[in-house]
Amino acid sequence: MTLVERLHAALAARRDATPELLTGDARELDTREDHELTPAAVLVAVTDRPEPGVLLTQRTETLRRHAGQVAFPGGRLDPGETAIAAALREAEEEIALPRERATVIGTIDTYRTITGFTVTPVLAAVPADLPLRPSEAEVASVFEVPLAFLLDPANHREASVEWQGRMRHFYEILWEDRRIWGATAAMIVNLSRRLAWR
């Protein structure tokens, strides 16, 4: 079975299931309608190798928002753009991943952030070892984490911190010297609950 077939089957196996999914802090989001949030999309690019991996980026320290954090390639939708088109465009701009090299499997559950975005993860298979090149303005580095490691609930650590006078609860995933947390970790947790990966 090819990677594309495995991903399609893993996604289809739980399409009708209703797993408990994460979103931003519900107490803040309850008062906002979807149309008040900025639509965005990210590319969950799974590499086609015997042990598939997922491409992630380390953002530069000079960015105004989320500096230095680990993230999927992605960003806000342009007017009239679909989530799939935006995710592919952003991946091409941020890490030089040619959009024609990505085989889109489908979209995953939308994630609403406490910073005012509604993010659609786009699952895709990509060839292994593409010559990726980070955009100097946004991306410090591109790295790959084994898909099985990311999907394993044993690696999803719950944590909390006081921020702006309130306790914030979030997930984090530690991979080598990288800390994946916040919205990116939450989308990975949701993916692990949605994808029947073996």
N, C-alpha and C. Protein backbone atom coordinates (compact mmCIF):
# COMPACT_ATOMS: atom_id res chain seq x y z
N MET A 1 0.84 -1.18 0.00
CA MET A 1 0.00 0.00 0.00
C MET A 1 0.89 1.25 0.00
N THR A 2 0.59 2.20 -0.87
CA THR A 2 1.38 3.42 -0.95
C THR A 2 1.05 4.34 0.23
N LEU A 3 1.89 5.35 0.45
CA LEU A 3 1.63 6.30 1.52
C LEU A 3 0.30 7.01 1.30
N VAL A 4 0.03 7.41 0.07
CA VAL A 4 -1.24 8.10 -0.24
C VAL A 4 -2.41 7.19 0.12
N GLU A 5 -2.33 5.92 -0.25
CA GLU A 5 -3.41 4.98 0.08
C GLU A 5 -3.54 4.80 1.59
N ARG A 6 -2.41 4.71 2.28
CA ARG A 6 -2.44 4.55 3.75
C ARG A 6 -3.08 5.76 4.42
N LEU A 7 -2.74 6.96 3.97
CA LEU A 7 -3.30 8.17 4.56
C LEU A 7 -4.80 8.28 4.28
N HIS A 8 -5.19 7.98 3.05
CA HIS A 8 -6.63 7.99 2.71
C HIS A 8 -7.39 7.01 3.60
N ALA A 9 -6.85 5.81 3.75
CA ALA A 9 -7.52 4.78 4.55
C ALA A 9 -7.57 5.18 6.02
N ALA A 10 -6.47 5.75 6.53
CA ALA A 10 -6.42 6.16 7.94
C ALA A 10 -7.40 7.28 8.23
N LEU A 11 -7.57 8.19 7.29
CA LEU A 11 -8.51 9.29 7.46
C LEU A 11 -9.95 8.81 7.33
N ALA A 12 -10.19 7.94 6.35
CA ALA A 12 -11.55 7.43 6.11
C ALA A 12 -12.04 6.57 7.26
N ALA A 13 -11.12 5.87 7.92
CA ALA A 13 -11.50 4.94 8.98
C ALA A 13 -12.20 5.64 10.14
N ARG A 14 -11.89 6.92 10.34
CA ARG A 14 -12.51 7.65 11.45
C ARG A 14 -13.31 8.87 10.99
N ARG A 15 -13.64 8.94 9.71
CA ARG A 15 -14.39 10.09 9.20
C ARG A 15 -15.72 10.28 9.91
N ASP A 16 -16.38 9.18 10.25
CA ASP A 16 -17.69 9.27 10.89
C ASP A 16 -17.60 9.27 12.41
N ALA A 17 -16.40 9.14 12.94
CA ALA A 17 -16.23 9.13 14.40
C ALA A 17 -16.33 10.56 14.94
N THR A 18 -16.59 10.68 16.21
CA THR A 18 -16.64 12.00 16.84
C THR A 18 -15.68 12.02 18.02
N PRO A 19 -14.38 12.07 17.72
CA PRO A 19 -13.40 12.11 18.82
C PRO A 19 -13.47 13.45 19.55
N GLU A 20 -13.00 13.48 20.77
CA GLU A 20 -12.93 14.73 21.51
C GLU A 20 -11.76 15.53 20.96
N LEU A 21 -12.07 16.64 20.32
CA LEU A 21 -11.05 17.44 19.66
C LEU A 21 -10.75 18.70 20.45
N LEU A 22 -9.53 19.19 20.29
CA LEU A 22 -9.11 20.40 20.98
C LEU A 22 -9.40 21.62 20.12
N THR A 23 -9.63 22.75 20.77
CA THR A 23 -9.69 24.04 20.09
C THR A 23 -9.08 25.03 21.05
N GLY A 24 -9.08 26.31 20.70
CA GLY A 24 -8.54 27.31 21.61
C GLY A 24 -9.37 27.36 22.88
N ASP A 25 -9.02 28.25 23.78
CA ASP A 25 -9.71 28.38 25.05
C ASP A 25 -11.19 28.67 24.82
N ALA A 26 -12.05 27.70 25.11
CA ALA A 26 -13.48 27.81 24.82
C ALA A 26 -14.12 29.01 25.50
N ARG A 27 -13.62 29.40 26.66
CA ARG A 27 -14.22 30.55 27.37
C ARG A 27 -14.05 31.83 26.57
N GLU A 28 -12.99 31.95 25.81
CA GLU A 28 -12.79 33.13 24.99
C GLU A 28 -13.48 33.01 23.65
N LEU A 29 -13.54 31.79 23.10
CA LEU A 29 -14.11 31.61 21.77
C LEU A 29 -15.63 31.59 21.76
N ASP A 30 -16.25 31.26 22.88
CA ASP A 30 -17.71 31.17 22.91
C ASP A 30 -18.40 32.45 22.47
N THR A 31 -17.76 33.59 22.67
CA THR A 31 -18.39 34.86 22.35
C THR A 31 -18.13 35.30 20.92
N ARG A 32 -17.33 34.55 20.17
CA ARG A 32 -16.99 34.94 18.80
C ARG A 32 -17.57 33.97 17.78
N GLU A 33 -18.12 34.52 16.73
CA GLU A 33 -18.64 33.72 15.63
C GLU A 33 -17.51 33.43 14.65
N ASP A 34 -17.70 32.38 13.83
CA ASP A 34 -16.67 32.02 12.85
C ASP A 34 -16.32 33.19 11.94
N HIS A 35 -17.33 33.99 11.53
CA HIS A 35 -17.05 35.08 10.60
C HIS A 35 -16.21 36.20 11.24
N GLU A 36 -16.08 36.17 12.56
CA GLU A 36 -15.25 37.16 13.25
C GLU A 36 -13.79 36.72 13.34
N LEU A 37 -13.51 35.47 12.99
CA LEU A 37 -12.16 34.94 13.04
C LEU A 37 -11.52 34.99 11.65
N THR A 38 -10.20 35.11 11.60
CA THR A 38 -9.48 35.18 10.33
C THR A 38 -9.20 33.76 9.83
N PRO A 39 -9.67 33.41 8.62
CA PRO A 39 -9.41 32.06 8.11
C PRO A 39 -7.94 31.88 7.72
N ALA A 40 -7.40 30.73 8.10
CA ALA A 40 -6.01 30.39 7.79
C ALA A 40 -5.93 28.90 7.49
N ALA A 41 -4.79 28.48 6.95
CA ALA A 41 -4.59 27.06 6.65
C ALA A 41 -3.13 26.71 6.85
N VAL A 42 -2.87 25.46 7.20
CA VAL A 42 -1.51 24.95 7.33
C VAL A 42 -1.39 23.65 6.55
N LEU A 43 -0.18 23.35 6.12
CA LEU A 43 0.08 22.10 5.40
C LEU A 43 0.72 21.09 6.33
N VAL A 44 0.04 19.96 6.50
CA VAL A 44 0.60 18.83 7.25
C VAL A 44 1.20 17.92 6.20
N ALA A 45 2.48 18.14 5.90
CA ALA A 45 3.16 17.43 4.81
C ALA A 45 3.83 16.17 5.36
N VAL A 46 3.33 15.01 4.93
CA VAL A 46 3.85 13.72 5.38
C VAL A 46 4.80 13.19 4.31
N THR A 47 6.02 12.88 4.71
CA THR A 47 7.04 12.45 3.75
C THR A 47 6.89 10.97 3.41
N ASP A 48 7.05 10.68 2.14
CA ASP A 48 6.89 9.32 1.63
C ASP A 48 8.20 8.55 1.80
N ARG A 49 8.30 7.88 2.93
CA ARG A 49 9.46 7.03 3.22
C ARG A 49 8.95 5.85 4.05
N PRO A 50 9.75 4.78 4.23
CA PRO A 50 9.27 3.62 4.99
C PRO A 50 8.69 3.98 6.35
N GLU A 51 9.33 4.91 7.05
CA GLU A 51 8.79 5.45 8.30
C GLU A 51 8.49 6.92 8.04
N PRO A 52 7.24 7.23 7.63
CA PRO A 52 6.91 8.61 7.22
C PRO A 52 7.18 9.62 8.34
N GLY A 53 7.51 10.83 7.91
CA GLY A 53 7.72 11.93 8.84
C GLY A 53 6.79 13.08 8.50
N VAL A 54 6.81 14.12 9.32
CA VAL A 54 6.02 15.32 9.08
C VAL A 54 6.97 16.51 9.07
N LEU A 55 6.81 17.38 8.07
CA LEU A 55 7.66 18.56 7.96
C LEU A 55 7.14 19.68 8.86
N LEU A 56 8.04 20.24 9.65
CA LEU A 56 7.71 21.35 10.52
C LEU A 56 8.76 22.45 10.34
N THR A 57 8.40 23.66 10.74
CA THR A 57 9.33 24.77 10.64
C THR A 57 9.59 25.36 12.01
N GLN A 58 10.77 25.94 12.15
CA GLN A 58 11.09 26.75 13.33
C GLN A 58 11.06 28.19 12.82
N ARG A 59 10.16 28.99 13.38
CA ARG A 59 10.01 30.37 12.92
C ARG A 59 11.21 31.21 13.38
N THR A 60 11.50 32.27 12.63
CA THR A 60 12.63 33.12 12.99
C THR A 60 12.32 33.89 14.27
N GLU A 61 13.37 34.32 14.95
CA GLU A 61 13.22 35.07 16.19
C GLU A 61 12.82 36.52 15.96
N THR A 62 12.83 36.97 14.70
CA THR A 62 12.54 38.37 14.40
C THR A 62 11.07 38.63 14.07
N LEU A 63 10.27 37.57 14.02
CA LEU A 63 8.85 37.77 13.68
C LEU A 63 8.12 38.46 14.82
N ARG A 64 7.09 39.23 14.45
CA ARG A 64 6.30 39.96 15.44
C ARG A 64 5.46 39.02 16.28
N ARG A 65 4.90 37.97 15.65
CA ARG A 65 4.03 37.03 16.36
C ARG A 65 4.63 35.63 16.31
N HIS A 66 4.59 34.95 17.45
CA HIS A 66 5.03 33.55 17.55
C HIS A 66 6.49 33.36 17.14
N ALA A 67 7.32 34.33 17.46
CA ALA A 67 8.75 34.25 17.10
C ALA A 67 9.39 33.01 17.73
N GLY A 68 10.18 32.30 16.93
CA GLY A 68 10.93 31.15 17.42
C GLY A 68 10.13 29.89 17.64
N GLN A 69 8.83 29.93 17.43
CA GLN A 69 8.01 28.76 17.70
C GLN A 69 8.05 27.76 16.54
N VAL A 70 7.72 26.53 16.86
CA VAL A 70 7.60 25.48 15.85
C VAL A 70 6.19 25.56 15.27
N ALA A 71 6.10 25.44 13.95
CA ALA A 71 4.80 25.56 13.28
C ALA A 71 4.79 24.73 12.00
N PHE A 72 3.58 24.43 11.55
CA PHE A 72 3.41 23.91 10.20
C PHE A 72 3.59 25.08 9.23
N PRO A 73 4.01 24.83 7.99
CA PRO A 73 3.97 25.91 7.01
C PRO A 73 2.51 26.33 6.82
N GLY A 74 2.26 27.61 6.76
CA GLY A 74 0.88 28.05 6.57
C GLY A 74 0.70 29.51 6.87
N GLY A 75 -0.54 29.96 6.73
CA GLY A 75 -0.87 31.36 6.97
C GLY A 75 -2.29 31.65 6.60
N ARG A 76 -2.63 32.93 6.60
CA ARG A 76 -4.02 33.32 6.33
C ARG A 76 -4.38 33.15 4.86
N LEU A 77 -5.66 32.96 4.62
CA LEU A 77 -6.17 32.81 3.26
C LEU A 77 -6.24 34.17 2.58
N ASP A 78 -5.87 34.22 1.31
CA ASP A 78 -6.10 35.41 0.50
C ASP A 78 -7.57 35.44 0.11
N PRO A 79 -8.11 36.62 -0.23
CA PRO A 79 -9.52 36.69 -0.64
C PRO A 79 -9.84 35.73 -1.78
N GLY A 80 -10.90 34.95 -1.62
CA GLY A 80 -11.34 34.00 -2.64
C GLY A 80 -10.53 32.71 -2.70
N GLU A 81 -9.58 32.54 -1.81
CA GLU A 81 -8.70 31.37 -1.82
C GLU A 81 -9.26 30.27 -0.95
N THR A 82 -9.10 29.02 -1.37
CA THR A 82 -9.52 27.89 -0.55
C THR A 82 -8.42 27.56 0.46
N ALA A 83 -8.77 26.77 1.47
CA ALA A 83 -7.79 26.37 2.48
C ALA A 83 -6.67 25.54 1.83
N ILE A 84 -7.04 24.66 0.91
CA ILE A 84 -6.02 23.82 0.25
C ILE A 84 -5.06 24.68 -0.56
N ALA A 85 -5.60 25.62 -1.34
CA ALA A 85 -4.75 26.50 -2.15
C ALA A 85 -3.84 27.34 -1.25
N ALA A 86 -4.37 27.83 -0.14
CA ALA A 86 -3.56 28.66 0.77
C ALA A 86 -2.45 27.86 1.41
N ALA A 87 -2.75 26.64 1.86
CA ALA A 87 -1.73 25.80 2.50
C ALA A 87 -0.60 25.47 1.52
N LEU A 88 -0.95 25.15 0.29
CA LEU A 88 0.07 24.83 -0.71
C LEU A 88 0.89 26.07 -1.07
N ARG A 89 0.22 27.22 -1.21
CA ARG A 89 0.93 28.46 -1.54
C ARG A 89 1.90 28.84 -0.41
N GLU A 90 1.42 28.77 0.82
CA GLU A 90 2.25 29.16 1.95
C GLU A 90 3.46 28.22 2.09
N ALA A 91 3.26 26.92 1.86
CA ALA A 91 4.39 25.98 1.95
C ALA A 91 5.42 26.28 0.87
N GLU A 92 4.95 26.67 -0.29
CA GLU A 92 5.88 27.02 -1.36
C GLU A 92 6.65 28.29 -1.01
N GLU A 93 5.95 29.27 -0.44
CA GLU A 93 6.59 30.53 -0.07
C GLU A 93 7.55 30.37 1.11
N GLU A 94 7.16 29.58 2.10
CA GLU A 94 7.93 29.48 3.33
C GLU A 94 9.10 28.51 3.26
N ILE A 95 8.90 27.37 2.58
CA ILE A 95 9.97 26.35 2.58
C ILE A 95 10.31 25.84 1.17
N ALA A 96 9.80 26.52 0.13
CA ALA A 96 10.07 26.17 -1.27
C ALA A 96 9.62 24.75 -1.61
N LEU A 97 8.50 24.32 -1.01
CA LEU A 97 7.93 23.02 -1.35
C LEU A 97 7.03 23.21 -2.57
N PRO A 98 7.42 22.68 -3.73
CA PRO A 98 6.61 22.90 -4.94
C PRO A 98 5.21 22.33 -4.77
N ARG A 99 4.20 23.15 -5.00
CA ARG A 99 2.82 22.70 -4.76
C ARG A 99 2.44 21.49 -5.59
N GLU A 100 3.06 21.35 -6.78
CA GLU A 100 2.72 20.21 -7.63
C GLU A 100 3.31 18.90 -7.11
N ARG A 101 4.21 18.97 -6.13
CA ARG A 101 4.80 17.75 -5.56
C ARG A 101 3.99 17.22 -4.37
N ALA A 102 2.98 17.97 -3.95
CA ALA A 102 2.14 17.55 -2.83
C ALA A 102 0.87 16.88 -3.34
N THR A 103 0.59 15.69 -2.83
CA THR A 103 -0.66 15.00 -3.14
C THR A 103 -1.60 15.20 -1.96
N VAL A 104 -2.61 16.03 -2.16
CA VAL A 104 -3.52 16.37 -1.07
C VAL A 104 -4.44 15.20 -0.75
N ILE A 105 -4.49 14.84 0.53
CA ILE A 105 -5.36 13.76 1.00
C ILE A 105 -6.71 14.34 1.41
N GLY A 106 -6.69 15.47 2.07
CA GLY A 106 -7.93 16.13 2.49
C GLY A 106 -7.68 17.10 3.62
N THR A 107 -8.74 17.72 4.07
CA THR A 107 -8.63 18.66 5.20
C THR A 107 -8.99 17.93 6.49
N ILE A 108 -8.42 18.43 7.58
CA ILE A 108 -8.67 17.88 8.91
C ILE A 108 -9.52 18.89 9.67
N ASP A 109 -9.97 18.52 10.83
CA ASP A 109 -10.83 19.38 11.64
C ASP A 109 -10.22 20.76 11.85
N THR A 110 -11.03 21.78 11.63
CA THR A 110 -10.60 23.16 11.81
C THR A 110 -10.29 23.43 13.27
N TYR A 111 -9.25 24.22 13.50
CA TYR A 111 -8.83 24.57 14.85
C TYR A 111 -9.00 26.07 15.05
N ARG A 112 -9.71 26.46 16.10
CA ARG A 112 -9.93 27.88 16.40
C ARG A 112 -8.93 28.31 17.47
N THR A 113 -8.15 29.34 17.17
CA THR A 113 -7.13 29.78 18.11
C THR A 113 -7.64 30.91 18.99
N ILE A 114 -7.00 31.10 20.13
CA ILE A 114 -7.38 32.19 21.01
C ILE A 114 -6.88 33.53 20.48
N THR A 115 -6.04 33.49 19.43
CA THR A 115 -5.55 34.73 18.84
C THR A 115 -6.40 35.18 17.65
N GLY A 116 -7.55 34.52 17.44
CA GLY A 116 -8.50 35.01 16.45
C GLY A 116 -8.42 34.40 15.06
N PHE A 117 -7.87 33.19 14.95
CA PHE A 117 -7.80 32.51 13.65
C PHE A 117 -8.61 31.23 13.69
N THR A 118 -9.18 30.87 12.55
CA THR A 118 -9.76 29.54 12.38
C THR A 118 -8.89 28.84 11.33
N VAL A 119 -8.15 27.83 11.78
CA VAL A 119 -7.10 27.21 10.97
C VAL A 119 -7.54 25.85 10.45
N THR A 120 -7.42 25.66 9.14
CA THR A 120 -7.74 24.38 8.53
C THR A 120 -6.45 23.64 8.18
N PRO A 121 -6.16 22.52 8.85
CA PRO A 121 -4.99 21.73 8.47
C PRO A 121 -5.29 20.94 7.18
N VAL A 122 -4.35 20.97 6.26
CA VAL A 122 -4.48 20.25 4.98
C VAL A 122 -3.45 19.12 4.99
N LEU A 123 -3.94 17.89 4.96
CA LEU A 123 -3.07 16.71 4.99
C LEU A 123 -2.63 16.37 3.58
N ALA A 124 -1.32 16.18 3.39
CA ALA A 124 -0.79 15.86 2.06
C ALA A 124 0.42 14.95 2.18
N ALA A 125 0.63 14.15 1.14
CA ALA A 125 1.83 13.33 1.03
C ALA A 125 2.81 14.05 0.12
N VAL A 126 4.09 14.04 0.51
CA VAL A 126 5.12 14.69 -0.32
C VAL A 126 6.30 13.73 -0.45
N PRO A 127 7.06 13.83 -1.54
CA PRO A 127 8.25 12.97 -1.67
C PRO A 127 9.23 13.24 -0.55
N ALA A 128 9.97 12.21 -0.18
CA ALA A 128 11.01 12.37 0.84
C ALA A 128 12.20 13.14 0.26
N ASP A 129 12.87 13.86 1.13
CA ASP A 129 14.14 14.51 0.81
C ASP A 129 14.07 15.52 -0.34
N LEU A 130 12.98 16.25 -0.39
CA LEU A 130 12.91 17.36 -1.36
C LEU A 130 13.95 18.42 -0.95
N PRO A 131 14.52 19.13 -1.92
CA PRO A 131 15.50 20.19 -1.57
C PRO A 131 14.78 21.45 -1.08
N LEU A 132 14.35 21.42 0.18
CA LEU A 132 13.59 22.53 0.74
C LEU A 132 14.53 23.67 1.14
N ARG A 133 14.01 24.89 1.05
CA ARG A 133 14.80 26.07 1.36
C ARG A 133 13.95 27.04 2.18
N PRO A 134 14.30 27.27 3.43
CA PRO A 134 13.51 28.17 4.27
C PRO A 134 13.55 29.61 3.76
N SER A 135 12.41 30.29 3.84
CA SER A 135 12.35 31.71 3.54
C SER A 135 12.99 32.46 4.70
N GLU A 136 14.06 33.20 4.42
CA GLU A 136 14.83 33.84 5.49
C GLU A 136 14.00 34.78 6.35
N ALA A 137 13.00 35.40 5.77
CA ALA A 137 12.20 36.37 6.51
C ALA A 137 11.32 35.72 7.57
N GLU A 138 10.92 34.47 7.33
CA GLU A 138 9.95 33.83 8.22
C GLU A 138 10.43 32.57 8.91
N VAL A 139 11.28 31.79 8.25
CA VAL A 139 11.60 30.45 8.71
C VAL A 139 13.09 30.31 8.99
N ALA A 140 13.42 29.93 10.23
CA ALA A 140 14.82 29.72 10.59
C ALA A 140 15.31 28.36 10.10
N SER A 141 14.44 27.34 10.18
CA SER A 141 14.84 26.00 9.73
C SER A 141 13.61 25.15 9.46
N VAL A 142 13.85 24.10 8.68
CA VAL A 142 12.83 23.09 8.38
C VAL A 142 13.35 21.77 8.93
N PHE A 143 12.50 21.01 9.59
CA PHE A 143 12.93 19.71 10.11
C PHE A 143 11.79 18.72 10.01
N GLU A 144 12.11 17.47 10.23
CA GLU A 144 11.13 16.38 10.06
C GLU A 144 11.05 15.56 11.34
N VAL A 145 9.84 15.26 11.75
CA VAL A 145 9.60 14.44 12.94
C VAL A 145 8.84 13.19 12.50
N PRO A 146 9.20 12.02 12.98
CA PRO A 146 8.46 10.81 12.58
C PRO A 146 6.97 10.93 12.88
N LEU A 147 6.16 10.58 11.91
CA LEU A 147 4.71 10.66 12.07
C LEU A 147 4.25 9.81 13.25
N ALA A 148 4.80 8.61 13.40
CA ALA A 148 4.39 7.72 14.49
C ALA A 148 4.66 8.37 15.85
N PHE A 149 5.77 9.09 15.96
CA PHE A 149 6.10 9.77 17.21
C PHE A 149 5.06 10.86 17.51
N LEU A 150 4.72 11.65 16.50
CA LEU A 150 3.76 12.73 16.70
C LEU A 150 2.37 12.22 17.05
N LEU A 151 1.98 11.09 16.48
CA LEU A 151 0.63 10.57 16.70
C LEU A 151 0.50 9.77 18.00
N ASP A 152 1.61 9.44 18.63
CA ASP A 152 1.57 8.62 19.85
C ASP A 152 1.12 9.48 21.04
N PRO A 153 -0.05 9.18 21.63
CA PRO A 153 -0.55 9.96 22.77
C PRO A 153 0.43 10.02 23.94
N ALA A 154 1.32 9.05 24.05
CA ALA A 154 2.30 9.05 25.14
C ALA A 154 3.24 10.25 25.04
N ASN A 155 3.35 10.84 23.85
CA ASN A 155 4.24 11.99 23.65
C ASN A 155 3.52 13.33 23.77
N HIS A 156 2.22 13.31 24.05
CA HIS A 156 1.43 14.54 24.18
C HIS A 156 1.35 14.92 25.66
N ARG A 157 2.14 15.90 26.06
CA ARG A 157 2.19 16.30 27.47
C ARG A 157 1.29 17.50 27.71
N GLU A 158 0.46 17.41 28.74
CA GLU A 158 -0.37 18.55 29.12
C GLU A 158 0.45 19.47 30.02
N ALA A 159 0.32 20.77 29.79
CA ALA A 159 1.05 21.76 30.57
C ALA A 159 0.18 22.98 30.77
N SER A 160 0.62 23.88 31.62
CA SER A 160 -0.13 25.12 31.85
C SER A 160 0.83 26.23 32.25
N VAL A 161 0.39 27.45 32.03
CA VAL A 161 1.19 28.63 32.37
C VAL A 161 0.23 29.78 32.67
N GLU A 162 0.63 30.67 33.55
CA GLU A 162 -0.19 31.86 33.79
C GLU A 162 0.20 32.92 32.78
N TRP A 163 -0.80 33.46 32.08
CA TRP A 163 -0.57 34.45 31.04
C TRP A 163 -1.70 35.45 31.07
N GLN A 164 -1.38 36.71 31.14
CA GLN A 164 -2.36 37.80 31.21
C GLN A 164 -3.36 37.56 32.34
N GLY A 165 -2.83 37.11 33.48
CA GLY A 165 -3.65 36.95 34.67
C GLY A 165 -4.52 35.71 34.71
N ARG A 166 -4.35 34.80 33.74
CA ARG A 166 -5.16 33.58 33.71
C ARG A 166 -4.28 32.37 33.48
N MET A 167 -4.74 31.24 33.97
CA MET A 167 -4.03 29.99 33.69
C MET A 167 -4.42 29.51 32.30
N ARG A 168 -3.42 29.26 31.47
CA ARG A 168 -3.65 28.74 30.13
C ARG A 168 -3.18 27.30 30.10
N HIS A 169 -4.00 26.43 29.53
CA HIS A 169 -3.68 25.01 29.44
C HIS A 169 -3.38 24.67 27.98
N PHE A 170 -2.36 23.87 27.76
CA PHE A 170 -1.97 23.55 26.40
C PHE A 170 -1.23 22.21 26.38
N TYR A 171 -1.01 21.71 25.18
CA TYR A 171 -0.21 20.50 24.99
C TYR A 171 1.17 20.89 24.47
N GLU A 172 2.15 20.05 24.78
CA GLU A 172 3.47 20.20 24.19
C GLU A 172 4.01 18.82 23.84
N ILE A 173 4.82 18.81 22.81
CA ILE A 173 5.46 17.58 22.33
C ILE A 173 6.94 17.90 22.21
N LEU A 174 7.77 17.13 22.88
CA LEU A 174 9.21 17.37 22.86
C LEU A 174 9.87 16.38 21.90
N TRP A 175 10.57 16.91 20.92
CA TRP A 175 11.28 16.08 19.95
C TRP A 175 12.72 16.56 19.87
N GLU A 176 13.65 15.71 20.32
CA GLU A 176 15.05 16.06 20.37
C GLU A 176 15.18 17.40 21.09
N ASP A 177 15.73 18.43 20.45
CA ASP A 177 15.87 19.72 21.14
C ASP A 177 14.76 20.70 20.78
N ARG A 178 13.68 20.21 20.20
CA ARG A 178 12.57 21.07 19.78
C ARG A 178 11.39 20.92 20.72
N ARG A 179 10.69 22.03 20.93
CA ARG A 179 9.47 22.04 21.74
C ARG A 179 8.32 22.48 20.84
N ILE A 180 7.42 21.55 20.61
CA ILE A 180 6.23 21.82 19.79
C ILE A 180 5.09 22.06 20.77
N TRP A 181 4.45 23.22 20.70
CA TRP A 181 3.40 23.50 21.67
C TRP A 181 2.36 24.42 21.05
N GLY A 182 1.38 24.81 21.87
CA GLY A 182 0.35 25.75 21.41
C GLY A 182 -0.53 25.15 20.33
N ALA A 183 -0.91 25.99 19.37
CA ALA A 183 -1.84 25.56 18.33
C ALA A 183 -1.29 24.41 17.50
N THR A 184 0.02 24.42 17.22
CA THR A 184 0.61 23.34 16.41
C THR A 184 0.48 22.00 17.13
N ALA A 185 0.82 21.96 18.42
CA ALA A 185 0.68 20.72 19.18
C ALA A 185 -0.78 20.31 19.27
N ALA A 186 -1.68 21.26 19.45
CA ALA A 186 -3.11 20.93 19.54
C ALA A 186 -3.61 20.32 18.23
N MET A 187 -3.17 20.85 17.09
CA MET A 187 -3.58 20.28 15.81
C MET A 187 -3.01 18.88 15.62
N ILE A 188 -1.80 18.64 16.15
CA ILE A 188 -1.21 17.29 16.09
C ILE A 188 -2.02 16.33 16.96
N VAL A 189 -2.41 16.77 18.15
CA VAL A 189 -3.24 15.94 19.02
C VAL A 189 -4.56 15.61 18.33
N ASN A 190 -5.18 16.61 17.70
CA ASN A 190 -6.42 16.37 16.96
C ASN A 190 -6.20 15.37 15.83
N LEU A 191 -5.08 15.52 15.11
CA LEU A 191 -4.77 14.59 14.04
C LEU A 191 -4.62 13.18 14.56
N SER A 192 -3.98 13.03 15.72
CA SER A 192 -3.81 11.69 16.29
C SER A 192 -5.15 11.07 16.69
N ARG A 193 -6.11 11.90 17.04
CA ARG A 193 -7.43 11.39 17.41
C ARG A 193 -8.31 11.14 16.19
N ARG A 194 -7.98 11.77 15.06
CA ARG A 194 -8.76 11.63 13.84
C ARG A 194 -8.21 10.57 12.90
N LEU A 195 -6.89 10.32 12.95
CA LEU A 195 -6.24 9.44 11.99
C LEU A 195 -6.06 8.04 12.59
N ALA A 196 -6.60 7.05 11.94
CA ALA A 196 -6.43 5.65 12.42
C ALA A 196 -5.14 5.10 11.81
N TRP A 197 -4.01 5.55 12.33
CA TRP A 197 -2.70 5.20 11.77
C TRP A 197 -2.13 3.98 12.47
N ARG A 198 -1.65 3.02 11.68
CA ARG A 198 -1.03 1.82 12.24
C ARG A 198 0.38 1.70 11.72
